[in-house]
Amino acid sequence: MHNRTWKREEYNVAKALGTSRALNTDGKADILHDIFLVDTKLRGSWDSAGSWFDKLSKEAQKKGKIAVLTLRKPNKQKRLVVIDFDNFVSLTKAAGWGSELSEGDR
């Protein structure tokens, strides 16, 4: 994959989040954000998504942020987001979209 291809992916994700690419982060995150620690993966296979997310989650916890992993396959438009379910529930409730289900019903 050409160097500009994954940089463009990082740029597009950052732009969608209203921020910019992080530079020189030692592989910790690709996108600057106050709440999220965002890593982007542009890969033909997502077999390692679990380990990518685990690594990102550990780093996010150290920084007091929410880990967000974006996945997209080359030459495809659809982009997926991986986020811890409890963080997802908290975010939806904060946005006023939360369910009235109790924690045991999840």
N, C-alpha and C. Protein backbone atom coordinates (compact mmCIF):
# COMPACT_ATOMS: atom_id res chain seq x y z
N MET A 1 0.84 -1.17 0.00
CA MET A 1 0.00 0.00 0.00
C MET A 1 0.89 1.24 0.00
N HIS A 2 0.54 2.17 -0.80
CA HIS A 2 1.33 3.39 -0.92
C HIS A 2 1.19 4.23 0.35
N ASN A 3 2.25 4.89 0.73
CA ASN A 3 2.32 5.72 1.92
C ASN A 3 1.19 6.76 1.95
N ARG A 4 0.89 7.36 0.82
CA ARG A 4 -0.15 8.39 0.79
C ARG A 4 -1.54 7.82 1.02
N THR A 5 -1.74 6.53 0.72
CA THR A 5 -3.06 5.93 0.85
C THR A 5 -3.51 5.91 2.31
N TRP A 6 -2.68 5.39 3.21
CA TRP A 6 -3.09 5.35 4.62
C TRP A 6 -3.08 6.74 5.23
N LYS A 7 -2.23 7.63 4.76
CA LYS A 7 -2.26 9.01 5.26
C LYS A 7 -3.57 9.69 4.88
N ARG A 8 -4.03 9.42 3.68
CA ARG A 8 -5.30 9.98 3.22
C ARG A 8 -6.45 9.44 4.08
N GLU A 9 -6.38 8.15 4.43
CA GLU A 9 -7.40 7.56 5.29
C GLU A 9 -7.42 8.26 6.65
N GLU A 10 -6.26 8.47 7.23
CA GLU A 10 -6.17 9.18 8.51
C GLU A 10 -6.75 10.59 8.38
N TYR A 11 -6.40 11.27 7.31
CA TYR A 11 -6.90 12.62 7.07
C TYR A 11 -8.44 12.62 6.97
N ASN A 12 -9.00 11.67 6.24
CA ASN A 12 -10.45 11.61 6.05
C ASN A 12 -11.17 11.35 7.37
N VAL A 13 -10.63 10.45 8.19
CA VAL A 13 -11.24 10.16 9.49
C VAL A 13 -11.15 11.40 10.38
N ALA A 14 -9.98 12.02 10.42
CA ALA A 14 -9.79 13.22 11.23
C ALA A 14 -10.75 14.33 10.80
N LYS A 15 -10.88 14.53 9.52
CA LYS A 15 -11.77 15.57 9.00
C LYS A 15 -13.22 15.29 9.41
N ALA A 16 -13.64 14.03 9.33
CA ALA A 16 -15.00 13.67 9.72
C ALA A 16 -15.25 13.94 11.20
N LEU A 17 -14.20 13.82 12.01
CA LEU A 17 -14.31 14.07 13.45
C LEU A 17 -14.04 15.53 13.82
N GLY A 18 -13.79 16.36 12.82
CA GLY A 18 -13.56 17.78 13.07
C GLY A 18 -12.22 18.08 13.70
N THR A 19 -11.22 17.27 13.40
CA THR A 19 -9.91 17.47 13.99
C THR A 19 -8.84 17.20 12.94
N SER A 20 -7.64 16.85 13.36
CA SER A 20 -6.56 16.63 12.40
C SER A 20 -5.76 15.38 12.76
N ARG A 21 -4.92 14.98 11.83
CA ARG A 21 -4.05 13.82 12.04
C ARG A 21 -3.03 14.13 13.13
N ALA A 22 -2.69 13.13 13.88
CA ALA A 22 -1.61 13.26 14.86
C ALA A 22 -0.32 12.88 14.15
N LEU A 23 0.71 13.63 14.41
CA LEU A 23 2.01 13.33 13.81
C LEU A 23 2.98 12.88 14.89
N ASN A 24 3.84 11.94 14.54
CA ASN A 24 4.88 11.46 15.46
C ASN A 24 4.31 10.98 16.80
N THR A 25 3.37 10.05 16.77
CA THR A 25 2.76 9.56 18.01
C THR A 25 3.33 8.21 18.43
N ASP A 26 4.37 7.75 17.80
CA ASP A 26 4.98 6.46 18.15
C ASP A 26 3.98 5.31 18.08
N GLY A 27 3.06 5.37 17.13
CA GLY A 27 2.09 4.30 16.95
C GLY A 27 0.98 4.29 17.98
N LYS A 28 0.84 5.33 18.77
CA LYS A 28 -0.17 5.35 19.83
C LYS A 28 -1.57 5.69 19.30
N ALA A 29 -1.67 6.63 18.41
CA ALA A 29 -2.96 7.03 17.83
C ALA A 29 -2.69 7.81 16.57
N ASP A 30 -3.69 7.84 15.70
CA ASP A 30 -3.54 8.52 14.42
C ASP A 30 -4.23 9.88 14.36
N ILE A 31 -5.19 10.10 15.27
CA ILE A 31 -6.05 11.27 15.19
C ILE A 31 -6.00 12.04 16.51
N LEU A 32 -5.90 13.37 16.43
CA LEU A 32 -5.96 14.21 17.62
C LEU A 32 -7.42 14.42 18.03
N HIS A 33 -7.74 14.13 19.29
CA HIS A 33 -9.10 14.33 19.77
C HIS A 33 -9.07 14.45 21.28
N ASP A 34 -9.95 15.29 21.83
CA ASP A 34 -9.99 15.51 23.28
C ASP A 34 -10.57 14.32 24.04
N ILE A 35 -11.53 13.62 23.46
CA ILE A 35 -12.23 12.54 24.16
C ILE A 35 -11.75 11.16 23.73
N PHE A 36 -11.47 11.01 22.45
CA PHE A 36 -11.15 9.70 21.89
C PHE A 36 -9.67 9.55 21.57
N LEU A 37 -9.19 8.32 21.70
CA LEU A 37 -7.88 7.95 21.18
C LEU A 37 -8.19 7.11 19.95
N VAL A 38 -7.97 7.67 18.77
CA VAL A 38 -8.41 7.07 17.52
C VAL A 38 -7.23 6.49 16.75
N ASP A 39 -7.39 5.25 16.34
CA ASP A 39 -6.41 4.59 15.49
C ASP A 39 -7.14 4.13 14.22
N THR A 40 -6.54 4.32 13.08
CA THR A 40 -7.14 3.92 11.81
C THR A 40 -6.36 2.76 11.21
N LYS A 41 -7.09 1.84 10.64
CA LYS A 41 -6.46 0.70 9.96
C LYS A 41 -7.08 0.57 8.58
N LEU A 42 -6.24 0.62 7.58
CA LEU A 42 -6.65 0.43 6.19
C LEU A 42 -5.97 -0.86 5.75
N ARG A 43 -6.69 -1.96 5.87
CA ARG A 43 -6.11 -3.28 5.64
C ARG A 43 -7.08 -4.16 4.87
N GLY A 44 -6.51 -5.10 4.14
CA GLY A 44 -7.32 -6.07 3.41
C GLY A 44 -7.94 -7.10 4.31
N SER A 45 -7.33 -7.34 5.46
CA SER A 45 -7.85 -8.30 6.43
C SER A 45 -7.93 -7.64 7.79
N TRP A 46 -8.98 -7.98 8.52
CA TRP A 46 -9.16 -7.43 9.85
C TRP A 46 -8.98 -8.50 10.92
N ASP A 47 -8.26 -9.55 10.60
CA ASP A 47 -8.06 -10.66 11.53
C ASP A 47 -7.43 -10.21 12.84
N SER A 48 -6.65 -9.15 12.81
CA SER A 48 -5.95 -8.67 14.01
C SER A 48 -6.70 -7.56 14.73
N ALA A 49 -7.94 -7.30 14.35
CA ALA A 49 -8.69 -6.17 14.93
C ALA A 49 -8.77 -6.28 16.45
N GLY A 50 -8.96 -7.47 16.97
CA GLY A 50 -9.05 -7.64 18.42
C GLY A 50 -7.78 -7.22 19.13
N SER A 51 -6.64 -7.64 18.61
CA SER A 51 -5.37 -7.27 19.25
C SER A 51 -5.06 -5.79 19.04
N TRP A 52 -5.42 -5.23 17.88
CA TRP A 52 -5.25 -3.80 17.65
C TRP A 52 -6.05 -3.01 18.69
N PHE A 53 -7.30 -3.45 18.87
CA PHE A 53 -8.17 -2.73 19.80
C PHE A 53 -7.69 -2.87 21.24
N ASP A 54 -7.24 -4.06 21.63
CA ASP A 54 -6.73 -4.26 22.99
C ASP A 54 -5.56 -3.33 23.27
N LYS A 55 -4.64 -3.23 22.34
CA LYS A 55 -3.48 -2.36 22.50
C LYS A 55 -3.92 -0.89 22.61
N LEU A 56 -4.82 -0.49 21.74
CA LEU A 56 -5.33 0.88 21.76
C LEU A 56 -6.06 1.18 23.06
N SER A 57 -6.84 0.22 23.55
CA SER A 57 -7.61 0.40 24.78
C SER A 57 -6.70 0.64 25.98
N LYS A 58 -5.61 -0.10 26.04
CA LYS A 58 -4.66 0.08 27.15
C LYS A 58 -4.06 1.48 27.13
N GLU A 59 -3.71 1.94 25.96
CA GLU A 59 -3.15 3.28 25.83
C GLU A 59 -4.21 4.35 26.15
N ALA A 60 -5.44 4.14 25.69
CA ALA A 60 -6.52 5.10 25.95
C ALA A 60 -6.79 5.20 27.44
N GLN A 61 -6.76 4.07 28.13
CA GLN A 61 -7.01 4.08 29.57
C GLN A 61 -5.94 4.90 30.29
N LYS A 62 -4.69 4.78 29.87
CA LYS A 62 -3.61 5.56 30.47
C LYS A 62 -3.85 7.06 30.31
N LYS A 63 -4.46 7.44 29.19
CA LYS A 63 -4.66 8.85 28.87
C LYS A 63 -6.05 9.36 29.27
N GLY A 64 -6.88 8.47 29.83
CA GLY A 64 -8.22 8.88 30.23
C GLY A 64 -9.13 9.17 29.05
N LYS A 65 -8.93 8.44 27.96
CA LYS A 65 -9.73 8.64 26.74
C LYS A 65 -10.46 7.35 26.38
N ILE A 66 -11.33 7.46 25.41
CA ILE A 66 -12.09 6.32 24.90
C ILE A 66 -11.41 5.83 23.63
N ALA A 67 -11.10 4.54 23.60
CA ALA A 67 -10.46 3.94 22.43
C ALA A 67 -11.46 3.79 21.28
N VAL A 68 -11.06 4.24 20.10
CA VAL A 68 -11.88 4.09 18.90
C VAL A 68 -10.96 3.61 17.78
N LEU A 69 -11.30 2.47 17.23
CA LEU A 69 -10.55 1.89 16.11
C LEU A 69 -11.40 1.97 14.87
N THR A 70 -10.89 2.59 13.81
CA THR A 70 -11.62 2.61 12.54
C THR A 70 -10.97 1.61 11.59
N LEU A 71 -11.81 0.90 10.86
CA LEU A 71 -11.35 -0.12 9.92
C LEU A 71 -11.95 0.14 8.55
N ARG A 72 -11.11 0.06 7.54
CA ARG A 72 -11.60 0.15 6.16
C ARG A 72 -10.70 -0.70 5.29
N LYS A 73 -11.30 -1.38 4.34
CA LYS A 73 -10.53 -2.17 3.39
C LYS A 73 -10.19 -1.30 2.18
N PRO A 74 -9.00 -1.50 1.61
CA PRO A 74 -8.62 -0.72 0.43
C PRO A 74 -9.68 -0.84 -0.68
N ASN A 75 -9.91 0.24 -1.35
CA ASN A 75 -10.86 0.31 -2.47
C ASN A 75 -12.31 0.06 -2.07
N LYS A 76 -12.62 0.21 -0.80
CA LYS A 76 -13.99 0.08 -0.32
C LYS A 76 -14.38 1.39 0.35
N GLN A 77 -15.65 1.74 0.29
CA GLN A 77 -16.13 2.98 0.87
C GLN A 77 -16.51 2.84 2.34
N LYS A 78 -17.08 1.68 2.69
CA LYS A 78 -17.58 1.48 4.05
C LYS A 78 -16.45 1.45 5.06
N ARG A 79 -16.65 2.19 6.13
CA ARG A 79 -15.68 2.24 7.23
C ARG A 79 -16.41 1.78 8.50
N LEU A 80 -15.79 0.92 9.26
CA LEU A 80 -16.38 0.44 10.50
C LEU A 80 -15.65 1.05 11.69
N VAL A 81 -16.36 1.11 12.81
CA VAL A 81 -15.78 1.63 14.04
C VAL A 81 -15.89 0.57 15.12
N VAL A 82 -14.80 0.34 15.84
CA VAL A 82 -14.78 -0.58 16.96
C VAL A 82 -14.64 0.25 18.22
N ILE A 83 -15.57 0.04 19.15
CA ILE A 83 -15.56 0.76 20.43
C ILE A 83 -16.07 -0.21 21.50
N ASP A 84 -15.55 -0.09 22.70
CA ASP A 84 -16.02 -0.91 23.81
C ASP A 84 -17.52 -0.70 24.00
N PHE A 85 -18.27 -1.77 24.21
CA PHE A 85 -19.72 -1.67 24.30
C PHE A 85 -20.17 -0.75 25.43
N ASP A 86 -19.54 -0.85 26.59
CA ASP A 86 -19.93 0.01 27.71
C ASP A 86 -19.70 1.48 27.39
N ASN A 87 -18.61 1.79 26.69
CA ASN A 87 -18.37 3.17 26.26
C ASN A 87 -19.42 3.61 25.25
N PHE A 88 -19.80 2.71 24.36
CA PHE A 88 -20.83 3.02 23.38
C PHE A 88 -22.15 3.35 24.08
N VAL A 89 -22.52 2.54 25.07
CA VAL A 89 -23.76 2.78 25.82
C VAL A 89 -23.69 4.13 26.53
N SER A 90 -22.56 4.41 27.17
CA SER A 90 -22.40 5.70 27.86
C SER A 90 -22.54 6.87 26.90
N LEU A 91 -21.93 6.75 25.73
CA LEU A 91 -22.01 7.83 24.74
C LEU A 91 -23.43 8.02 24.23
N THR A 92 -24.14 6.93 23.99
CA THR A 92 -25.52 7.07 23.50
C THR A 92 -26.42 7.69 24.55
N LYS A 93 -26.20 7.32 25.82
CA LYS A 93 -26.99 7.94 26.89
C LYS A 93 -26.67 9.41 27.03
N ALA A 94 -25.39 9.76 26.93
CA ALA A 94 -24.99 11.17 27.03
C ALA A 94 -25.59 11.99 25.89
N ALA A 95 -25.80 11.36 24.75
CA ALA A 95 -26.39 12.04 23.60
C ALA A 95 -27.92 12.05 23.68
N GLY A 96 -28.46 11.42 24.71
CA GLY A 96 -29.92 11.37 24.86
C GLY A 96 -30.56 10.24 24.08
N TRP A 97 -29.77 9.29 23.62
CA TRP A 97 -30.29 8.17 22.85
C TRP A 97 -30.33 6.89 23.65
N GLY A 98 -30.02 6.96 24.94
CA GLY A 98 -29.88 5.76 25.78
C GLY A 98 -31.19 5.04 25.98
N SER A 99 -31.07 3.76 26.15
CA SER A 99 -32.21 2.90 26.40
C SER A 99 -32.54 2.92 27.88
N GLU A 100 -33.74 2.55 28.21
CA GLU A 100 -34.15 2.45 29.60
C GLU A 100 -33.87 1.06 30.16
N LEU A 101 -33.17 0.20 29.39
CA LEU A 101 -32.84 -1.13 29.86
C LEU A 101 -31.88 -1.05 31.04
N SER A 102 -32.05 -1.96 31.98
CA SER A 102 -31.12 -2.00 33.09
C SER A 102 -29.83 -2.66 32.62
N GLU A 103 -28.77 -2.50 33.41
CA GLU A 103 -27.46 -3.04 33.03
C GLU A 103 -27.52 -4.55 32.84
N GLY A 104 -28.33 -5.24 33.62
CA GLY A 104 -28.45 -6.69 33.50
C GLY A 104 -29.10 -7.14 32.20
N ASP A 105 -29.83 -6.26 31.53
CA ASP A 105 -30.51 -6.60 30.28
C ASP A 105 -29.59 -6.51 29.07
N ARG A 106 -28.41 -5.91 29.24
CA ARG A 106 -27.49 -5.74 28.11
C ARG A 106 -26.95 -7.04 27.74
